[in-house]
Amino acid sequence: AMAENGDEYRKAKDAWVAGKGGKVLEYSEPKKEKWLHLREVRKFSVVYDLNGNRFEESSYYFSCRGKGMHVKALLPGDSPRKAREEAAQILHSVSCE
């Protein structure tokens, strides 16, 4: 199911991280983005710790031909800037074609 708002996203992510024995460190405010081929993409982001490892996870929700789509990016917290830029480039190239 598509996340409708930040509260739903936070509730689900809190439960998932806690179930894995981890700790949520911070959430980013939900925002809307425009990608190269998509007019509206909703982004929800969280940073959490699992077993002493920091992760940054972003979930993206959008519609393609009337169907709800969900794409996720997960990076180690210490990822270099180049890796983050490459991940963003890949995400922003997503098309419904």
PDB file of N, CA and C in Angstrom:
ATOM      1  N   ALA A   1       0.845  -1.186   0.000  1.00  0.00           N
ATOM      2  CA  ALA A   1       0.000   0.000   0.000  1.00  0.00           C
ATOM      3  C   ALA A   1       0.887   1.245   0.000  1.00  0.00           C
ATOM      4  N   MET A   2       0.414   2.253  -0.680  1.00  0.00           N
ATOM      5  CA  MET A   2       1.190   3.493  -0.742  1.00  0.00           C
ATOM      6  C   MET A   2       1.055   4.249   0.571  1.00  0.00           C
ATOM      7  N   ALA A   3       2.139   4.791   1.033  1.00  0.00           N
ATOM      8  CA  ALA A   3       2.117   5.618   2.237  1.00  0.00           C
ATOM      9  C   ALA A   3       1.406   6.925   1.905  1.00  0.00           C
ATOM     10  N   GLU A   4       0.418   7.240   2.677  1.00  0.00           N
ATOM     11  CA  GLU A   4      -0.348   8.457   2.418  1.00  0.00           C
ATOM     12  C   GLU A   4       0.254   9.675   3.105  1.00  0.00           C
ATOM     13  N   ASN A   5       0.908   9.453   4.232  1.00  0.00           N
ATOM     14  CA  ASN A   5       1.481  10.594   4.945  1.00  0.00           C
ATOM     15  C   ASN A   5       2.644  10.139   5.821  1.00  0.00           C
ATOM     16  N   GLY A   6       3.318  11.108   6.382  1.00  0.00           N
ATOM     17  CA  GLY A   6       4.483  10.822   7.197  1.00  0.00           C
ATOM     18  C   GLY A   6       4.172  10.031   8.452  1.00  0.00           C
ATOM     19  N   ASP A   7       2.987  10.243   9.042  1.00  0.00           N
ATOM     20  CA  ASP A   7       2.633   9.515  10.263  1.00  0.00           C
ATOM     21  C   ASP A   7       2.514   8.019   9.997  1.00  0.00           C
ATOM     22  N   GLU A   8       1.884   7.643   8.898  1.00  0.00           N
ATOM     23  CA  GLU A   8       1.759   6.223   8.548  1.00  0.00           C
ATOM     24  C   GLU A   8       3.138   5.620   8.292  1.00  0.00           C
ATOM     25  N   TYR A   9       3.970   6.340   7.579  1.00  0.00           N
ATOM     26  CA  TYR A   9       5.317   5.872   7.276  1.00  0.00           C
ATOM     27  C   TYR A   9       6.110   5.666   8.558  1.00  0.00           C
ATOM     28  N   ARG A  10       6.073   6.668   9.455  1.00  0.00           N
ATOM     29  CA  ARG A  10       6.828   6.579  10.709  1.00  0.00           C
ATOM     30  C   ARG A  10       6.352   5.400  11.561  1.00  0.00           C
ATOM     31  N   LYS A  11       5.051   5.222  11.659  1.00  0.00           N
ATOM     32  CA  LYS A  11       4.506   4.133  12.471  1.00  0.00           C
ATOM     33  C   LYS A  11       4.998   2.777  11.950  1.00  0.00           C
ATOM     34  N   ALA A  12       4.918   2.576  10.644  1.00  0.00           N
ATOM     35  CA  ALA A  12       5.359   1.309  10.048  1.00  0.00           C
ATOM     36  C   ALA A  12       6.863   1.124  10.208  1.00  0.00           C
ATOM     37  N   LYS A  13       7.634   2.183  10.005  1.00  0.00           N
ATOM     38  CA  LYS A  13       9.091   2.071  10.089  1.00  0.00           C
ATOM     39  C   LYS A  13       9.536   1.880  11.534  1.00  0.00           C
ATOM     40  N   ASP A  14       8.896   2.560  12.483  1.00  0.00           N
ATOM     41  CA  ASP A  14       9.215   2.363  13.906  1.00  0.00           C
ATOM     42  C   ASP A  14       9.037   0.894  14.281  1.00  0.00           C
ATOM     43  N   ALA A  15       7.925   0.309  13.852  1.00  0.00           N
ATOM     44  CA  ALA A  15       7.635  -1.088  14.178  1.00  0.00           C
ATOM     45  C   ALA A  15       8.662  -2.016  13.530  1.00  0.00           C
ATOM     46  N   TRP A  16       9.020  -1.758  12.285  1.00  0.00           N
ATOM     47  CA  TRP A  16       9.972  -2.621  11.584  1.00  0.00           C
ATOM     48  C   TRP A  16      11.344  -2.562  12.237  1.00  0.00           C
ATOM     49  N   VAL A  17      11.835  -1.351  12.496  1.00  0.00           N
ATOM     50  CA  VAL A  17      13.169  -1.182  13.089  1.00  0.00           C
ATOM     51  C   VAL A  17      13.197  -1.796  14.494  1.00  0.00           C
ATOM     52  N   ALA A  18      12.171  -1.549  15.288  1.00  0.00           N
ATOM     53  CA  ALA A  18      12.116  -2.110  16.642  1.00  0.00           C
ATOM     54  C   ALA A  18      12.092  -3.640  16.585  1.00  0.00           C
ATOM     55  N   GLY A  19      11.362  -4.189  15.617  1.00  0.00           N
ATOM     56  CA  GLY A  19      11.285  -5.636  15.456  1.00  0.00           C
ATOM     57  C   GLY A  19      12.619  -6.265  15.104  1.00  0.00           C
ATOM     58  N   LYS A  20      13.518  -5.479  14.529  1.00  0.00           N
ATOM     59  CA  LYS A  20      14.864  -5.956  14.185  1.00  0.00           C
ATOM     60  C   LYS A  20      15.872  -5.651  15.294  1.00  0.00           C
ATOM     61  N   GLY A  21      15.389  -5.047  16.384  1.00  0.00           N
ATOM     62  CA  GLY A  21      16.274  -4.714  17.487  1.00  0.00           C
ATOM     63  C   GLY A  21      17.068  -3.439  17.274  1.00  0.00           C
ATOM     64  N   GLY A  22      16.609  -2.605  16.353  1.00  0.00           N
ATOM     65  CA  GLY A  22      17.320  -1.369  16.040  1.00  0.00           C
ATOM     66  C   GLY A  22      16.689  -0.148  16.679  1.00  0.00           C
ATOM     67  N   LYS A  23      17.207   1.014  16.305  1.00  0.00           N
ATOM     68  CA  LYS A  23      16.721   2.280  16.853  1.00  0.00           C
ATOM     69  C   LYS A  23      16.648   3.319  15.744  1.00  0.00           C
ATOM     70  N   VAL A  24      15.486   3.963  15.629  1.00  0.00           N
ATOM     71  CA  VAL A  24      15.335   5.067  14.676  1.00  0.00           C
ATOM     72  C   VAL A  24      16.071   6.272  15.240  1.00  0.00           C
ATOM     73  N   LEU A  25      16.909   6.889  14.405  1.00  0.00           N
ATOM     74  CA  LEU A  25      17.679   8.059  14.833  1.00  0.00           C
ATOM     75  C   LEU A  25      17.030   9.359  14.396  1.00  0.00           C
ATOM     76  N   GLU A  26      16.481   9.380  13.186  1.00  0.00           N
ATOM     77  CA  GLU A  26      15.801  10.597  12.728  1.00  0.00           C
ATOM     78  C   GLU A  26      14.973  10.330  11.477  1.00  0.00           C
ATOM     79  N   TYR A  27      13.962  11.163  11.314  1.00  0.00           N
ATOM     80  CA  TYR A  27      13.136  11.171  10.108  1.00  0.00           C
ATOM     81  C   TYR A  27      13.319  12.514   9.412  1.00  0.00           C
ATOM     82  N   SER A  28      13.223  12.502   8.100  1.00  0.00           N
ATOM     83  CA  SER A  28      13.186  13.753   7.346  1.00  0.00           C
ATOM     84  C   SER A  28      11.725  14.055   7.061  1.00  0.00           C
ATOM     85  N   GLU A  29      11.420  15.321   6.919  1.00  0.00           N
ATOM     86  CA  GLU A  29      10.055  15.697   6.578  1.00  0.00           C
ATOM     87  C   GLU A  29       9.686  15.099   5.217  1.00  0.00           C
ATOM     88  N   PRO A  30       8.474  14.538   5.091  1.00  0.00           N
ATOM     89  CA  PRO A  30       8.054  14.041   3.775  1.00  0.00           C
ATOM     90  C   PRO A  30       8.079  15.176   2.764  1.00  0.00           C
ATOM     91  N   LYS A  31       8.427  14.852   1.529  1.00  0.00           N
ATOM     92  CA  LYS A  31       8.423  15.906   0.517  1.00  0.00           C
ATOM     93  C   LYS A  31       8.034  15.339  -0.836  1.00  0.00           C
ATOM     94  N   LYS A  32       7.671  16.239  -1.713  1.00  0.00           N
ATOM     95  CA  LYS A  32       7.334  15.863  -3.082  1.00  0.00           C
ATOM     96  C   LYS A  32       8.483  16.266  -3.984  1.00  0.00           C
ATOM     97  N   GLU A  33       8.817  15.380  -4.922  1.00  0.00           N
ATOM     98  CA  GLU A  33       9.876  15.653  -5.878  1.00  0.00           C
ATOM     99  C   GLU A  33       9.333  15.507  -7.291  1.00  0.00           C
ATOM    100  N   LYS A  34      10.026  16.111  -8.220  1.00  0.00           N
ATOM    101  CA  LYS A  34       9.730  15.926  -9.637  1.00  0.00           C
ATOM    102  C   LYS A  34      10.954  15.293 -10.254  1.00  0.00           C
ATOM    103  N   TRP A  35      10.785  14.112 -10.842  1.00  0.00           N
ATOM    104  CA  TRP A  35      11.892  13.423 -11.485  1.00  0.00           C
ATOM    105  C   TRP A  35      11.831  13.661 -12.983  1.00  0.00           C
ATOM    106  N   LEU A  36      12.842  13.244 -13.681  1.00  0.00           N
ATOM    107  CA  LEU A  36      12.949  13.480 -15.111  1.00  0.00           C
ATOM    108  C   LEU A  36      11.693  13.046 -15.874  1.00  0.00           C
ATOM    109  N   HIS A  37      11.171  11.851 -15.570  1.00  0.00           N
ATOM    110  CA  HIS A  37      10.024  11.312 -16.298  1.00  0.00           C
ATOM    111  C   HIS A  37       8.748  11.251 -15.463  1.00  0.00           C
ATOM    112  N   LEU A  38       8.798  11.677 -14.223  1.00  0.00           N
ATOM    113  CA  LEU A  38       7.638  11.597 -13.326  1.00  0.00           C
ATOM    114  C   LEU A  38       7.359  12.964 -12.714  1.00  0.00           C
ATOM    115  N   ARG A  39       6.104  13.351 -12.764  1.00  0.00           N
ATOM    116  CA  ARG A  39       5.731  14.684 -12.277  1.00  0.00           C
ATOM    117  C   ARG A  39       5.661  14.787 -10.766  1.00  0.00           C
ATOM    118  N   GLU A  40       5.223  13.699 -10.118  1.00  0.00           N
ATOM    119  CA  GLU A  40       5.076  13.768  -8.667  1.00  0.00           C
ATOM    120  C   GLU A  40       5.546  12.473  -8.013  1.00  0.00           C
ATOM    121  N   VAL A  41       6.536  12.605  -7.170  1.00  0.00           N
ATOM    122  CA  VAL A  41       7.083  11.483  -6.412  1.00  0.00           C
ATOM    123  C   VAL A  41       7.086  11.904  -4.945  1.00  0.00           C
ATOM    124  N   ARG A  42       6.487  11.089  -4.092  1.00  0.00           N
ATOM    125  CA  ARG A  42       6.498  11.380  -2.653  1.00  0.00           C
ATOM    126  C   ARG A  42       7.669  10.649  -2.022  1.00  0.00           C
ATOM    127  N   LYS A  43       8.442  11.371  -1.220  1.00  0.00           N
ATOM    128  CA  LYS A  43       9.645  10.814  -0.596  1.00  0.00           C
ATOM    129  C   LYS A  43       9.518  10.856   0.921  1.00  0.00           C
ATOM    130  N   PHE A  44       9.825   9.719   1.537  1.00  0.00           N
ATOM    131  CA  PHE A  44       9.875   9.593   2.984  1.00  0.00           C
ATOM    132  C   PHE A  44      11.251   9.026   3.329  1.00  0.00           C
ATOM    133  N   SER A  45      11.935   9.617   4.308  1.00  0.00           N
ATOM    134  CA  SER A  45      13.292   9.172   4.644  1.00  0.00           C
ATOM    135  C   SER A  45      13.465   8.963   6.143  1.00  0.00           C
ATOM    136  N   VAL A  46      14.337   8.003   6.456  1.00  0.00           N
ATOM    137  CA  VAL A  46      14.625   7.677   7.851  1.00  0.00           C
ATOM    138  C   VAL A  46      16.094   7.280   7.969  1.00  0.00           C
ATOM    139  N   VAL A  47      16.674   7.577   9.121  1.00  0.00           N
ATOM    140  CA  VAL A  47      18.016   7.113   9.453  1.00  0.00           C
ATOM    141  C   VAL A  47      17.855   6.240  10.690  1.00  0.00           C
ATOM    142  N   TYR A  48      18.442   5.042  10.649  1.00  0.00           N
ATOM    143  CA  TYR A  48      18.326   4.158  11.787  1.00  0.00           C
ATOM    144  C   TYR A  48      19.609   3.376  12.016  1.00  0.00           C
ATOM    145  N   ASP A  49      19.705   2.811  13.231  1.00  0.00           N
ATOM    146  CA  ASP A  49      20.853   2.016  13.618  1.00  0.00           C
ATOM    147  C   ASP A  49      20.396   0.578  13.827  1.00  0.00           C
ATOM    148  N   LEU A  50      21.101  -0.361  13.192  1.00  0.00           N
ATOM    149  CA  LEU A  50      20.875  -1.788  13.397  1.00  0.00           C
ATOM    150  C   LEU A  50      22.219  -2.424  13.715  1.00  0.00           C
ATOM    151  N   ASN A  51      22.319  -3.036  14.877  1.00  0.00           N
ATOM    152  CA  ASN A  51      23.546  -3.729  15.268  1.00  0.00           C
ATOM    153  C   ASN A  51      24.797  -2.859  15.134  1.00  0.00           C
ATOM    154  N   GLY A  52      24.679  -1.585  15.505  1.00  0.00           N
ATOM    155  CA  GLY A  52      25.825  -0.690  15.448  1.00  0.00           C
ATOM    156  C   GLY A  52      26.131  -0.130  14.072  1.00  0.00           C
ATOM    157  N   ASN A  53      25.308  -0.449  13.086  1.00  0.00           N
ATOM    158  CA  ASN A  53      25.484   0.081  11.731  1.00  0.00           C
ATOM    159  C   ASN A  53      24.390   1.092  11.434  1.00  0.00           C
ATOM    160  N   ARG A  54      24.798   2.217  10.883  1.00  0.00           N
ATOM    161  CA  ARG A  54      23.855   3.294  10.554  1.00  0.00           C
ATOM    162  C   ARG A  54      23.420   3.147   9.096  1.00  0.00           C
ATOM    163  N   PHE A  55      22.121   3.278   8.869  1.00  0.00           N
ATOM    164  CA  PHE A  55      21.555   3.192   7.524  1.00  0.00           C
ATOM    165  C   PHE A  55      20.680   4.397   7.240  1.00  0.00           C
ATOM    166  N   GLU A  56      20.692   4.811   5.983  1.00  0.00           N
ATOM    167  CA  GLU A  56      19.810   5.885   5.508  1.00  0.00           C
ATOM    168  C   GLU A  56      18.907   5.282   4.447  1.00  0.00           C
ATOM    169  N   GLU A  57      17.615   5.299   4.726  1.00  0.00           N
ATOM    170  CA  GLU A  57      16.654   4.683   3.821  1.00  0.00           C
ATOM    171  C   GLU A  57      15.659   5.732   3.333  1.00  0.00           C
ATOM    172  N   SER A  58      15.417   5.739   2.030  1.00  0.00           N
ATOM    173  CA  SER A  58      14.416   6.626   1.445  1.00  0.00           C
ATOM    174  C   SER A  58      13.433   5.774   0.661  1.00  0.00           C
ATOM    175  N   SER A  59      12.159   6.055   0.859  1.00  0.00           N
ATOM    176  CA  SER A  59      11.098   5.379   0.124  1.00  0.00           C
ATOM    177  C   SER A  59      10.417   6.399  -0.772  1.00  0.00           C
ATOM    178  N   TYR A  60      10.190   5.998  -2.003  1.00  0.00           N
ATOM    179  CA  TYR A  60       9.594   6.875  -3.008  1.00  0.00           C
ATOM    180  C   TYR A  60       8.318   6.230  -3.518  1.00  0.00           C
ATOM    181  N   TYR A  61       7.240   7.009  -3.568  1.00  0.00           N
ATOM    182  CA  TYR A  61       5.948   6.516  -4.022  1.00  0.00           C
ATOM    183  C   TYR A  61       5.472   7.370  -5.191  1.00  0.00           C
ATOM    184  N   PHE A  62       4.992   6.704  -6.236  1.00  0.00           N
ATOM    185  CA  PHE A  62       4.478   7.420  -7.408  1.00  0.00           C
ATOM    186  C   PHE A  62       3.533   6.501  -8.171  1.00  0.00           C
ATOM    187  N   SER A  63       2.829   7.071  -9.122  1.00  0.00           N
ATOM    188  CA  SER A  63       1.899   6.300  -9.950  1.00  0.00           C
ATOM    189  C   SER A  63       2.463   6.136 -11.345  1.00  0.00           C
ATOM    190  N   CYS A  64       2.300   4.934 -11.879  1.00  0.00           N
ATOM    191  CA  CYS A  64       2.662   4.634 -13.260  1.00  0.00           C
ATOM    192  C   CYS A  64       1.458   3.976 -13.909  1.00  0.00           C
ATOM    193  N   ARG A  65       0.898   4.676 -14.877  1.00  0.00           N
ATOM    194  CA  ARG A  65      -0.261   4.141 -15.596  1.00  0.00           C
ATOM    195  C   ARG A  65      -1.359   3.685 -14.645  1.00  0.00           C
ATOM    196  N   GLY A  66      -1.607   4.492 -13.622  1.00  0.00           N
ATOM    197  CA  GLY A  66      -2.693   4.212 -12.691  1.00  0.00           C
ATOM    198  C   GLY A  66      -2.370   3.214 -11.590  1.00  0.00           C
ATOM    199  N   LYS A  67      -1.163   2.693 -11.560  1.00  0.00           N
ATOM    200  CA  LYS A  67      -0.777   1.735 -10.524  1.00  0.00           C
ATOM    201  C   LYS A  67       0.218   2.377  -9.568  1.00  0.00           C
ATOM    202  N   GLY A  68       0.029   2.119  -8.283  1.00  0.00           N
ATOM    203  CA  GLY A  68       0.939   2.646  -7.276  1.00  0.00           C
ATOM    204  C   GLY A  68       2.265   1.907  -7.298  1.00  0.00           C
ATOM    205  N   MET A  69       3.347   2.648  -7.296  1.00  0.00           N
ATOM    206  CA  MET A  69       4.696   2.085  -7.327  1.00  0.00           C
ATOM    207  C   MET A  69       5.466   2.539  -6.089  1.00  0.00           C
ATOM    208  N   HIS A  70       6.385   1.679  -5.648  1.00  0.00           N
ATOM    209  CA  HIS A  70       7.215   1.984  -4.484  1.00  0.00           C
ATOM    210  C   HIS A  70       8.643   1.586  -4.814  1.00  0.00           C
ATOM    211  N   VAL A  71       9.553   2.538  -4.700  1.00  0.00           N
ATOM    212  CA  VAL A  71      10.977   2.293  -4.923  1.00  0.00           C
ATOM    213  C   VAL A  71      11.702   2.705  -3.648  1.00  0.00           C
ATOM    214  N   LYS A  72      12.694   1.913  -3.266  1.00  0.00           N
ATOM    215  CA  LYS A  72      13.419   2.192  -2.032  1.00  0.00           C
ATOM    216  C   LYS A  72      14.910   2.277  -2.310  1.00  0.00           C
ATOM    217  N   ALA A  73      15.571   3.201  -1.628  1.00  0.00           N
ATOM    218  CA  ALA A  73      17.029   3.314  -1.680  1.00  0.00           C
ATOM    219  C   ALA A  73      17.546   3.158  -0.259  1.00  0.00           C
ATOM    220  N   LEU A  74      18.537   2.274  -0.090  1.00  0.00           N
ATOM    221  CA  LEU A  74      19.124   2.027   1.217  1.00  0.00           C
ATOM    222  C   LEU A  74      20.635   2.151   1.095  1.00  0.00           C
ATOM    223  N   LEU A  75      21.190   3.060   1.860  1.00  0.00           N
ATOM    224  CA  LEU A  75      22.633   3.294   1.821  1.00  0.00           C
ATOM    225  C   LEU A  75      23.210   3.228   3.233  1.00  0.00           C
ATOM    226  N   PRO A  76      24.418   2.679   3.380  1.00  0.00           N
ATOM    227  CA  PRO A  76      25.082   2.769   4.677  1.00  0.00           C
ATOM    228  C   PRO A  76      25.275   4.243   5.031  1.00  0.00           C
ATOM    229  N   GLY A  77      25.200   4.559   6.306  1.00  0.00           N
ATOM    230  CA  GLY A  77      25.314   5.947   6.746  1.00  0.00           C
ATOM    231  C   GLY A  77      26.618   6.620   6.376  1.00  0.00           C
ATOM    232  N   ASP A  78      27.660   5.814   6.142  1.00  0.00           N
ATOM    233  CA  ASP A  78      28.958   6.405   5.810  1.00  0.00           C
ATOM    234  C   ASP A  78      29.251   6.372   4.306  1.00  0.00           C
ATOM    235  N   SER A  79      28.207   6.226   3.497  1.00  0.00           N
ATOM    236  CA  SER A  79      28.402   6.194   2.042  1.00  0.00           C
ATOM    237  C   SER A  79      29.015   7.496   1.546  1.00  0.00           C
ATOM    238  N   PRO A  80      29.970   7.399   0.621  1.00  0.00           N
ATOM    239  CA  PRO A  80      30.562   8.624   0.080  1.00  0.00           C
ATOM    240  C   PRO A  80      29.564   9.398  -0.777  1.00  0.00           C
ATOM    241  N   ARG A  81      29.860  10.656  -0.949  1.00  0.00           N
ATOM    242  CA  ARG A  81      28.977  11.536  -1.722  1.00  0.00           C
ATOM    243  C   ARG A  81      28.726  10.985  -3.127  1.00  0.00           C
ATOM    244  N   LYS A  82      29.757  10.425  -3.752  1.00  0.00           N
ATOM    245  CA  LYS A  82      29.609   9.902  -5.103  1.00  0.00           C
ATOM    246  C   LYS A  82      28.553   8.790  -5.155  1.00  0.00           C
ATOM    247  N   ALA A  83      28.538   7.922  -4.166  1.00  0.00           N
ATOM    248  CA  ALA A  83      27.548   6.835  -4.123  1.00  0.00           C
ATOM    249  C   ALA A  83      26.136   7.407  -3.989  1.00  0.00           C
ATOM    250  N   ARG A  84      25.994   8.448  -3.185  1.00  0.00           N
ATOM    251  CA  ARG A  84      24.682   9.087  -3.013  1.00  0.00           C
ATOM    252  C   ARG A  84      24.223   9.734  -4.319  1.00  0.00           C
ATOM    253  N   GLU A  85      25.146  10.378  -5.001  1.00  0.00           N
ATOM    254  CA  GLU A  85      24.814  11.022  -6.276  1.00  0.00           C
ATOM    255  C   GLU A  85      24.435   9.978  -7.331  1.00  0.00           C
ATOM    256  N   GLU A  86      25.151   8.853  -7.355  1.00  0.00           N
ATOM    257  CA  GLU A  86      24.821   7.788  -8.314  1.00  0.00           C
ATOM    258  C   GLU A  86      23.447   7.201  -8.020  1.00  0.00           C
ATOM    259  N   ALA A  87      23.139   6.992  -6.748  1.00  0.00           N
ATOM    260  CA  ALA A  87      21.825   6.465  -6.381  1.00  0.00           C
ATOM    261  C   ALA A  87      20.727   7.435  -6.813  1.00  0.00           C
ATOM    262  N   ALA A  88      20.928   8.729  -6.575  1.00  0.00           N
ATOM    263  CA  ALA A  88      19.946   9.734  -6.976  1.00  0.00           C
ATOM    264  C   ALA A  88      19.768   9.763  -8.484  1.00  0.00           C
ATOM    265  N   GLN A  89      20.865   9.638  -9.204  1.00  0.00           N
ATOM    266  CA  GLN A  89      20.794   9.639 -10.672  1.00  0.00           C
ATOM    267  C   GLN A  89      19.976   8.449 -11.174  1.00  0.00           C
ATOM    268  N   ILE A  90      20.201   7.287 -10.611  1.00  0.00           N
ATOM    269  CA  ILE A  90      19.444   6.101 -10.996  1.00  0.00           C
ATOM    270  C   ILE A  90      17.959   6.297 -10.690  1.00  0.00           C
ATOM    271  N   LEU A  91      17.644   6.753  -9.487  1.00  0.00           N
ATOM    272  CA  LEU A  91      16.247   6.961  -9.090  1.00  0.00           C
ATOM    273  C   LEU A  91      15.562   7.957 -10.024  1.00  0.00           C
ATOM    274  N   HIS A  92      16.229   9.061 -10.286  1.00  0.00           N
ATOM    275  CA  HIS A  92      15.602  10.111 -11.092  1.00  0.00           C
ATOM    276  C   HIS A  92      15.440   9.714 -12.554  1.00  0.00           C
ATOM    277  N   SER A  93      16.049   8.603 -12.969  1.00  0.00           N
ATOM    278  CA  SER A  93      15.893   8.157 -14.348  1.00  0.00           C
ATOM    279  C   SER A  93      14.714   7.202 -14.538  1.00  0.00           C
ATOM    280  N   VAL A  94      14.040   6.838 -13.443  1.00  0.00           N
ATOM    281  CA  VAL A  94      12.905   5.913 -13.522  1.00  0.00           C
ATOM    282  C   VAL A  94      11.829   6.473 -14.432  1.00  0.00           C
ATOM    283  N   SER A  95      11.311   5.593 -15.276  1.00  0.00           N
ATOM    284  CA  SER A  95      10.264   5.972 -16.234  1.00  0.00           C
ATOM    285  C   SER A  95       9.182   4.904 -16.232  1.00  0.00           C
ATOM    286  N   CYS A  96       7.980   5.289 -16.590  1.00  0.00           N
ATOM    287  CA  CYS A  96       6.867   4.332 -16.702  1.00  0.00           C
ATOM    288  C   CYS A  96       6.858   3.632 -18.050  1.00  0.00           C
ATOM    289  N   GLU A  97       7.773   3.963 -18.916  1.00  0.00           N
ATOM    290  CA  GLU A  97       7.809   3.354 -20.265  1.00  0.00           C
ATOM    291  C   GLU A  97       8.287   1.940 -20.239  1.00  0.00           C
TER     292      GLU A  97
END
